[in-house]
Structures are given as structure tokens and as C-alpha cells.
């Protein structure tokens, strides 16, 4: 497989992974919102200390870090080949 074609396939894989991570982030945010709406104690005046928000927030932060790392890998690959 020629080097250029190989880099293009790697770049395509990275773009797919970034897209999947962004989709997971949206699903996680939606699940967090739904869980808050189904909570009978949720209101603007009530704060629940053992809220599920930290769990979801950590998951979203980890996904965001993965997305950033993949984006950086894509940039490095692009720099090495000109542009992809």
C-alpha cells in the first residue's frame, strides 16, 4: 500500500473515531438530562449531594480528552503529509 494511501486511511479512521466519541458525548449528555428529569426530587430549589452529574461529567471529560488526543494525532498526521 503506498504511503499516501496509508496516511489517508489512518486519517479516515481517526475522523470516524472522533465522530463516534462526539456521538457518545451527546448520548451521555442526553442520558444525564433524562436522569435529572426523571428524578422526583429534582427542582430548582433542591440540591442532591449524591447526584449522578459527577459520574456523567467525568465520562464526558474523559471522552473530551480522547477527542482532543485524536484531533492532535490527526493534526500531526496532516503536518507530516501536507494536508489530508
PDB file of N, CA and C in Angstrom:
ATOM      1  N   UNK A   1       0.857  -1.175   0.000  1.00  0.00           N
ATOM      2  CA  UNK A   1       0.000   0.000   0.000  1.00  0.00           C
ATOM      3  C   UNK A   1       0.904   1.239   0.000  1.00  0.00           C
ATOM      4  N   UNK A   2       0.687   2.150  -0.922  1.00  0.00           N
ATOM      5  CA  UNK A   2       1.507   3.367  -0.955  1.00  0.00           C
ATOM      6  C   UNK A   2       1.361   4.176   0.336  1.00  0.00           C
ATOM      7  N   UNK A   3       2.425   4.920   0.665  1.00  0.00           N
ATOM      8  CA  UNK A   3       2.468   5.690   1.911  1.00  0.00           C
ATOM      9  C   UNK A   3       1.326   6.698   2.005  1.00  0.00           C
ATOM     10  N   UNK A   4       1.025   7.392   0.906  1.00  0.00           N
ATOM     11  CA  UNK A   4      -0.042   8.406   0.916  1.00  0.00           C
ATOM     12  C   UNK A   4      -1.389   7.750   1.188  1.00  0.00           C
ATOM     13  N   UNK A   5      -1.644   6.623   0.547  1.00  0.00           N
ATOM     14  CA  UNK A   5      -2.915   5.929   0.759  1.00  0.00           C
ATOM     15  C   UNK A   5      -3.032   5.445   2.200  1.00  0.00           C
ATOM     16  N   UNK A   6      -1.934   4.972   2.757  1.00  0.00           N
ATOM     17  CA  UNK A   6      -1.918   4.517   4.138  1.00  0.00           C
ATOM     18  C   UNK A   6      -2.260   5.670   5.080  1.00  0.00           C
ATOM     19  N   UNK A   7      -1.639   6.839   4.887  1.00  0.00           N
ATOM     20  CA  UNK A   7      -1.925   8.007   5.741  1.00  0.00           C
ATOM     21  C   UNK A   7      -3.378   8.439   5.603  1.00  0.00           C
ATOM     22  N   UNK A   8      -3.915   8.370   4.382  1.00  0.00           N
ATOM     23  CA  UNK A   8      -5.312   8.748   4.173  1.00  0.00           C
ATOM     24  C   UNK A   8      -6.258   7.803   4.897  1.00  0.00           C
ATOM     25  N   UNK A   9      -5.935   6.514   4.907  1.00  0.00           N
ATOM     26  CA  UNK A   9      -6.762   5.542   5.634  1.00  0.00           C
ATOM     27  C   UNK A   9      -6.685   5.773   7.139  1.00  0.00           C
ATOM     28  N   UNK A  10      -5.502   6.069   7.631  1.00  0.00           N
ATOM     29  CA  UNK A  10      -5.343   6.362   9.065  1.00  0.00           C
ATOM     30  C   UNK A  10      -6.140   7.615   9.427  1.00  0.00           C
ATOM     31  N   UNK A  11      -6.048   8.652   8.592  1.00  0.00           N
ATOM     32  CA  UNK A  11      -6.787   9.889   8.841  1.00  0.00           C
ATOM     33  C   UNK A  11      -8.289   9.623   8.834  1.00  0.00           C
ATOM     34  N   UNK A  12      -8.747   8.797   7.911  1.00  0.00           N
ATOM     35  CA  UNK A  12     -10.172   8.463   7.854  1.00  0.00           C
ATOM     36  C   UNK A  12     -10.598   7.729   9.129  1.00  0.00           C
ATOM     37  N   UNK A  13      -9.758   6.803   9.607  1.00  0.00           N
ATOM     38  CA  UNK A  13     -10.057   6.097  10.858  1.00  0.00           C
ATOM     39  C   UNK A  13     -10.139   7.064  12.033  1.00  0.00           C
ATOM     40  N   UNK A  14      -9.201   8.011  12.087  1.00  0.00           N
ATOM     41  CA  UNK A  14      -9.208   8.997  13.168  1.00  0.00           C
ATOM     42  C   UNK A  14     -10.473   9.843  13.127  1.00  0.00           C
ATOM     43  N   UNK A  15     -10.892  10.245  11.936  1.00  0.00           N
ATOM     44  CA  UNK A  15     -12.125  11.040  11.811  1.00  0.00           C
ATOM     45  C   UNK A  15     -13.347  10.252  12.276  1.00  0.00           C
ATOM     46  N   UNK A  16     -13.380   8.955  11.946  1.00  0.00           N
ATOM     47  CA  UNK A  16     -14.501   8.108  12.383  1.00  0.00           C
ATOM     48  C   UNK A  16     -14.505   8.002  13.904  1.00  0.00           C
ATOM     49  N   UNK A  17     -13.328   7.795  14.493  1.00  0.00           N
ATOM     50  CA  UNK A  17     -13.241   7.702  15.951  1.00  0.00           C
ATOM     51  C   UNK A  17     -13.680   8.995  16.622  1.00  0.00           C
ATOM     52  N   UNK A  18     -13.257  10.128  16.083  1.00  0.00           N
ATOM     53  CA  UNK A  18     -13.668  11.427  16.629  1.00  0.00           C
ATOM     54  C   UNK A  18     -15.180  11.567  16.551  1.00  0.00           C
ATOM     55  N   UNK A  19     -15.763  11.176  15.435  1.00  0.00           N
ATOM     56  CA  UNK A  19     -17.213  11.252  15.264  1.00  0.00           C
ATOM     57  C   UNK A  19     -17.935  10.354  16.273  1.00  0.00           C
ATOM     58  N   UNK A  20     -17.400   9.155  16.498  1.00  0.00           N
ATOM     59  CA  UNK A  20     -18.018   8.241  17.469  1.00  0.00           C
ATOM     60  C   UNK A  20     -17.924   8.795  18.882  1.00  0.00           C
ATOM     61  N   UNK A  21     -16.802   9.405  19.217  1.00  0.00           N
ATOM     62  CA  UNK A  21     -16.649   9.998  20.546  1.00  0.00           C
ATOM     63  C   UNK A  21     -17.633  11.151  20.726  1.00  0.00           C
ATOM     64  N   UNK A  22     -17.765  11.997  19.712  1.00  0.00           N
ATOM     65  CA  UNK A  22     -18.719  13.108  19.801  1.00  0.00           C
ATOM     66  C   UNK A  22     -20.146  12.591  19.958  1.00  0.00           C
ATOM     67  N   UNK A  23     -20.463  11.512  19.278  1.00  0.00           N
ATOM     68  CA  UNK A  23     -21.788  10.899  19.416  1.00  0.00           C
ATOM     69  C   UNK A  23     -21.990  10.377  20.843  1.00  0.00           C
ATOM     70  N   UNK A  24     -20.968   9.751  21.395  1.00  0.00           N
ATOM     71  CA  UNK A  24     -21.051   9.258  22.775  1.00  0.00           C
ATOM     72  C   UNK A  24     -21.214  10.401  23.763  1.00  0.00           C
ATOM     73  N   UNK A  25     -20.544  11.512  23.502  1.00  0.00           N
ATOM     74  CA  UNK A  25     -20.677  12.683  24.377  1.00  0.00           C
ATOM     75  C   UNK A  25     -22.108  13.211  24.343  1.00  0.00           C
ATOM     76  N   UNK A  26     -22.693  13.269  23.148  1.00  0.00           N
ATOM     77  CA  UNK A  26     -24.087  13.733  23.046  1.00  0.00           C
ATOM     78  C   UNK A  26     -25.028  12.774  23.764  1.00  0.00           C
ATOM     79  N   UNK A  27     -24.812  11.467  23.598  1.00  0.00           N
ATOM     80  CA  UNK A  27     -25.666  10.478  24.276  1.00  0.00           C
ATOM     81  C   UNK A  27     -25.530  10.577  25.790  1.00  0.00           C
ATOM     82  N   UNK A  28     -24.321  10.789  26.256  1.00  0.00           N
ATOM     83  CA  UNK A  28     -24.087  10.917  27.700  1.00  0.00           C
ATOM     84  C   UNK A  28     -24.789  12.154  28.246  1.00  0.00           C
ATOM     85  N   UNK A  29     -24.692  13.256  27.541  1.00  0.00           N
ATOM     86  CA  UNK A  29     -25.366  14.485  27.973  1.00  0.00           C
ATOM     87  C   UNK A  29     -26.880  14.292  27.980  1.00  0.00           C
ATOM     88  N   UNK A  30     -27.397  13.585  26.976  1.00  0.00           N
ATOM     89  CA  UNK A  30     -28.834  13.314  26.918  1.00  0.00           C
ATOM     90  C   UNK A  30     -29.259  12.425  28.080  1.00  0.00           C
ATOM     91  N   UNK A  31     -28.473  11.378  28.366  1.00  0.00           N
ATOM     92  CA  UNK A  31     -28.793  10.475  29.482  1.00  0.00           C
ATOM     93  C   UNK A  31     -28.775  11.228  30.806  1.00  0.00           C
ATOM     94  N   UNK A  32     -27.816  12.128  30.968  1.00  0.00           N
ATOM     95  CA  UNK A  32     -27.739  12.916  32.192  1.00  0.00           C
ATOM     96  C   UNK A  32     -28.980  13.793  32.328  1.00  0.00           C
ATOM     97  N   UNK A  33     -29.381  14.430  31.239  1.00  0.00           N
ATOM     98  CA  UNK A  33     -30.568  15.293  31.279  1.00  0.00           C
ATOM     99  C   UNK A  33     -31.826  14.476  31.574  1.00  0.00           C
ATOM    100  N   UNK A  34     -31.939  13.304  30.978  1.00  0.00           N
ATOM    101  CA  UNK A  34     -33.115  12.465  31.211  1.00  0.00           C
ATOM    102  C   UNK A  34     -33.165  11.962  32.639  1.00  0.00           C
ATOM    103  N   UNK A  35     -32.022  11.620  33.173  1.00  0.00           N
ATOM    104  CA  UNK A  35     -31.981  11.134  34.551  1.00  0.00           C
ATOM    105  C   UNK A  35     -32.380  12.237  35.523  1.00  0.00           C
ATOM    106  N   UNK A  36     -31.993  13.467  35.230  1.00  0.00           N
ATOM    107  CA  UNK A  36     -32.382  14.589  36.083  1.00  0.00           C
ATOM    108  C   UNK A  36     -33.887  14.844  35.986  1.00  0.00           C
ATOM    109  N   UNK A  37     -34.441  14.714  34.795  1.00  0.00           N
ATOM    110  CA  UNK A  37     -35.884  14.953  34.629  1.00  0.00           C
ATOM    111  C   UNK A  37     -36.721  13.886  35.311  1.00  0.00           C
ATOM    112  N   UNK A  38     -36.202  12.642  35.366  1.00  0.00           N
ATOM    113  CA  UNK A  38     -36.984  11.563  35.973  1.00  0.00           C
ATOM    114  C   UNK A  38     -36.850  11.532  37.482  1.00  0.00           C
ATOM    115  N   UNK A  39     -35.935  12.337  38.018  1.00  0.00           N
ATOM    116  CA  UNK A  39     -35.721  12.395  39.455  1.00  0.00           C
ATOM    117  C   UNK A  39     -36.845  13.191  40.105  1.00  0.00           C
ATOM    118  N   UNK A  40     -37.638  12.543  40.991  1.00  0.00           N
ATOM    119  CA  UNK A  40     -38.767  13.248  41.611  1.00  0.00           C
ATOM    120  C   UNK A  40     -38.336  14.421  42.486  1.00  0.00           C
ATOM    121  N   UNK A  41     -37.097  14.392  42.982  1.00  0.00           N
ATOM    122  CA  UNK A  41     -36.644  15.479  43.848  1.00  0.00           C
ATOM    123  C   UNK A  41     -36.002  16.612  43.068  1.00  0.00           C
ATOM    124  N   UNK A  42     -35.867  16.442  41.758  1.00  0.00           N
ATOM    125  CA  UNK A  42     -35.160  17.493  41.012  1.00  0.00           C
ATOM    126  C   UNK A  42     -36.061  18.696  40.821  1.00  0.00           C
ATOM    127  N   UNK A  43     -35.547  19.783  41.245  1.00  0.00           N
ATOM    128  CA  UNK A  43     -36.197  21.071  41.037  1.00  0.00           C
ATOM    129  C   UNK A  43     -35.128  22.129  41.197  1.00  0.00           C
ATOM    130  N   UNK A  44     -35.481  23.324  40.901  1.00  0.00           N
ATOM    131  CA  UNK A  44     -34.507  24.412  41.002  1.00  0.00           C
ATOM    132  C   UNK A  44     -34.125  24.687  42.456  1.00  0.00           C
ATOM    133  N   UNK A  45     -34.987  24.295  43.405  1.00  0.00           N
ATOM    134  CA  UNK A  45     -34.746  24.607  44.811  1.00  0.00           C
ATOM    135  C   UNK A  45     -34.102  23.461  45.593  1.00  0.00           C
ATOM    136  N   UNK A  46     -33.914  22.288  44.960  1.00  0.00           N
ATOM    137  CA  UNK A  46     -33.401  21.122  45.678  1.00  0.00           C
ATOM    138  C   UNK A  46     -32.039  20.739  45.111  1.00  0.00           C
ATOM    139  N   UNK A  47     -31.071  20.527  46.015  1.00  0.00           N
ATOM    140  CA  UNK A  47     -29.748  20.063  45.607  1.00  0.00           C
ATOM    141  C   UNK A  47     -29.531  18.689  46.212  1.00  0.00           C
ATOM    142  N   UNK A  48     -29.209  17.698  45.392  1.00  0.00           N
ATOM    143  CA  UNK A  48     -28.961  16.341  45.856  1.00  0.00           C
ATOM    144  C   UNK A  48     -27.459  16.123  45.833  1.00  0.00           C
ATOM    145  N   UNK A  49     -26.900  15.789  46.975  1.00  0.00           N
ATOM    146  CA  UNK A  49     -25.453  15.670  47.069  1.00  0.00           C
ATOM    147  C   UNK A  49     -24.907  14.436  46.360  1.00  0.00           C
ATOM    148  N   UNK A  50     -25.641  13.354  46.347  1.00  0.00           N
ATOM    149  CA  UNK A  50     -25.153  12.151  45.671  1.00  0.00           C
ATOM    150  C   UNK A  50     -25.687  12.075  44.244  1.00  0.00           C
ATOM    151  N   UNK A  51     -25.759  13.205  43.621  1.00  0.00           N
ATOM    152  CA  UNK A  51     -26.233  13.370  42.258  1.00  0.00           C
ATOM    153  C   UNK A  51     -25.399  12.533  41.293  1.00  0.00           C
ATOM    154  N   UNK A  52     -25.989  12.150  40.170  1.00  0.00           N
ATOM    155  CA  UNK A  52     -25.288  11.389  39.147  1.00  0.00           C
ATOM    156  C   UNK A  52     -24.451  12.289  38.239  1.00  0.00           C
ATOM    157  N   UNK A  53     -24.605  13.586  38.367  1.00  0.00           N
ATOM    158  CA  UNK A  53     -23.888  14.520  37.497  1.00  0.00           C
ATOM    159  C   UNK A  53     -22.379  14.298  37.512  1.00  0.00           C
ATOM    160  N   UNK A  54     -21.735  14.127  38.676  1.00  0.00           N
ATOM    161  CA  UNK A  54     -20.277  13.927  38.646  1.00  0.00           C
ATOM    162  C   UNK A  54     -19.851  12.723  37.802  1.00  0.00           C
ATOM    163  N   UNK A  55     -20.613  11.648  37.870  1.00  0.00           N
ATOM    164  CA  UNK A  55     -20.286  10.452  37.085  1.00  0.00           C
ATOM    165  C   UNK A  55     -20.341  10.776  35.599  1.00  0.00           C
ATOM    166  N   UNK A  56     -21.415  11.422  35.175  1.00  0.00           N
ATOM    167  CA  UNK A  56     -21.547  11.787  33.773  1.00  0.00           C
ATOM    168  C   UNK A  56     -20.519  12.840  33.369  1.00  0.00           C
ATOM    169  N   UNK A  57     -20.264  13.775  34.250  1.00  0.00           N
ATOM    170  CA  UNK A  57     -19.286  14.821  33.951  1.00  0.00           C
ATOM    171  C   UNK A  57     -17.902  14.221  33.757  1.00  0.00           C
ATOM    172  N   UNK A  58     -17.542  13.239  34.586  1.00  0.00           N
ATOM    173  CA  UNK A  58     -16.244  12.577  34.422  1.00  0.00           C
ATOM    174  C   UNK A  58     -16.190  11.817  33.112  1.00  0.00           C
ATOM    175  N   UNK A  59     -17.284  11.165  32.754  1.00  0.00           N
ATOM    176  CA  UNK A  59     -17.322  10.425  31.486  1.00  0.00           C
ATOM    177  C   UNK A  59     -17.171  11.376  30.303  1.00  0.00           C
ATOM    178  N   UNK A  60     -17.870  12.492  30.347  1.00  0.00           N
ATOM    179  CA  UNK A  60     -17.784  13.471  29.260  1.00  0.00           C
ATOM    180  C   UNK A  60     -16.372  14.063  29.197  1.00  0.00           C
ATOM    181  N   UNK A  61     -15.765  14.331  30.349  1.00  0.00           N
ATOM    182  CA  UNK A  61     -14.401  14.875  30.371  1.00  0.00           C
ATOM    183  C   UNK A  61     -13.411  13.870  29.779  1.00  0.00           C
ATOM    184  N   UNK A  62     -13.576  12.597  30.097  1.00  0.00           N
ATOM    185  CA  UNK A  62     -12.683  11.569  29.547  1.00  0.00           C
ATOM    186  C   UNK A  62     -12.861  11.455  28.037  1.00  0.00           C
ATOM    187  N   UNK A  63     -14.113  11.495  27.583  1.00  0.00           N
ATOM    188  CA  UNK A  63     -14.369  11.445  26.144  1.00  0.00           C
ATOM    189  C   UNK A  63     -13.792  12.669  25.445  1.00  0.00           C
ATOM    190  N   UNK A  64     -13.905  13.824  26.091  1.00  0.00           N
ATOM    191  CA  UNK A  64     -13.362  15.050  25.511  1.00  0.00           C
ATOM    192  C   UNK A  64     -11.837  14.967  25.392  1.00  0.00           C
ATOM    193  N   UNK A  65     -11.190  14.381  26.389  1.00  0.00           N
ATOM    194  CA  UNK A  65      -9.736  14.208  26.334  1.00  0.00           C
ATOM    195  C   UNK A  65      -9.355  13.265  25.196  1.00  0.00           C
ATOM    196  N   UNK A  66     -10.138  12.210  25.026  1.00  0.00           N
ATOM    197  CA  UNK A  66      -9.885  11.288  23.907  1.00  0.00           C
ATOM    198  C   UNK A  66     -10.045  11.998  22.572  1.00  0.00           C
ATOM    199  N   UNK A  67     -11.096  12.781  22.465  1.00  0.00           N
ATOM    200  CA  UNK A  67     -11.345  13.528  21.226  1.00  0.00           C
ATOM    201  C   UNK A  67     -10.189  14.485  20.951  1.00  0.00           C
ATOM    202  N   UNK A  68      -9.708  15.155  21.973  1.00  0.00           N
ATOM    203  CA  UNK A  68      -8.594  16.084  21.805  1.00  0.00           C
ATOM    204  C   UNK A  68      -7.331  15.340  21.366  1.00  0.00           C
ATOM    205  N   UNK A  69      -7.077  14.193  21.963  1.00  0.00           N
ATOM    206  CA  UNK A  69      -5.905  13.400  21.592  1.00  0.00           C
ATOM    207  C   UNK A  69      -5.978  12.916  20.146  1.00  0.00           C
ATOM    208  N   UNK A  70      -7.156  12.462  19.744  1.00  0.00           N
ATOM    209  CA  UNK A  70      -7.328  12.015  18.362  1.00  0.00           C
ATOM    210  C   UNK A  70      -7.206  13.184  17.389  1.00  0.00           C
ATOM    211  N   UNK A  71      -7.734  14.332  17.784  1.00  0.00           N
ATOM    212  CA  UNK A  71      -7.605  15.522  16.945  1.00  0.00           C
ATOM    213  C   UNK A  71      -6.148  15.905  16.777  1.00  0.00           C
ATOM    214  N   UNK A  72      -5.387  15.797  17.861  1.00  0.00           N
ATOM    215  CA  UNK A  72      -3.956  16.102  17.791  1.00  0.00           C
ATOM    216  C   UNK A  72      -3.244  15.094  16.886  1.00  0.00           C
ATOM    217  N   UNK A  73      -3.595  13.829  17.000  1.00  0.00           N
ATOM    218  CA  UNK A  73      -2.998  12.803  16.136  1.00  0.00           C
ATOM    219  C   UNK A  73      -3.295  13.100  14.672  1.00  0.00           C
ATOM    220  N   UNK A  74      -4.519  13.526  14.396  1.00  0.00           N
ATOM    221  CA  UNK A  74      -4.897  13.872  13.025  1.00  0.00           C
ATOM    222  C   UNK A  74      -4.094  15.069  12.528  1.00  0.00           C
ATOM    223  N   UNK A  75      -3.915  16.068  13.392  1.00  0.00           N
ATOM    224  CA  UNK A  75      -3.094  17.239  13.021  1.00  0.00           C
ATOM    225  C   UNK A  75      -1.657  16.833  12.732  1.00  0.00           C
ATOM    226  N   UNK A  76      -1.086  15.986  13.573  1.00  0.00           N
ATOM    227  CA  UNK A  76       0.296  15.532  13.374  1.00  0.00           C
ATOM    228  C   UNK A  76       0.427  14.774  12.058  1.00  0.00           C
ATOM    229  N   UNK A  77      -0.544  13.946  11.775  1.00  0.00           N
ATOM    230  CA  UNK A  77      -0.540  13.190  10.523  1.00  0.00           C
ATOM    231  C   UNK A  77      -0.659  14.136   9.333  1.00  0.00           C
ATOM    232  N   UNK A  78      -1.495  15.150   9.465  1.00  0.00           N
ATOM    233  CA  UNK A  78      -1.662  16.130   8.392  1.00  0.00           C
ATOM    234  C   UNK A  78      -0.385  16.912   8.156  1.00  0.00           C
ATOM    235  N   UNK A  79       0.291  17.297   9.249  1.00  0.00           N
ATOM    236  CA  UNK A  79       1.544  18.041   9.124  1.00  0.00           C
ATOM    237  C   UNK A  79       2.610  17.207   8.432  1.00  0.00           C
ATOM    238  N   UNK A  80       2.618  15.921   8.716  1.00  0.00           N
ATOM    239  CA  UNK A  80       3.629  15.043   8.133  1.00  0.00           C
ATOM    240  C   UNK A  80       3.437  14.842   6.634  1.00  0.00           C
ATOM    241  N   UNK A  81       2.188  15.003   6.178  1.00  0.00           N
ATOM    242  CA  UNK A  81       1.915  14.730   4.763  1.00  0.00           C
ATOM    243  C   UNK A  81       1.482  15.957   3.991  1.00  0.00           C
ATOM    244  N   UNK A  82       1.520  17.109   4.581  1.00  0.00           N
ATOM    245  CA  UNK A  82       0.999  18.310   3.906  1.00  0.00           C
ATOM    246  C   UNK A  82      -0.380  18.592   4.448  1.00  0.00           C
ATOM    247  N   UNK A  83      -1.399  18.001   3.822  1.00  0.00           N
ATOM    248  CA  UNK A  83      -2.783  18.095   4.299  1.00  0.00           C
ATOM    249  C   UNK A  83      -3.538  16.847   3.887  1.00  0.00           C
ATOM    250  N   UNK A  84      -4.471  16.436   4.750  1.00  0.00           N
ATOM    251  CA  UNK A  84      -5.318  15.276   4.433  1.00  0.00           C
ATOM    252  C   UNK A  84      -6.763  15.686   4.407  1.00  0.00           C
TER     253      UNK A  84
END
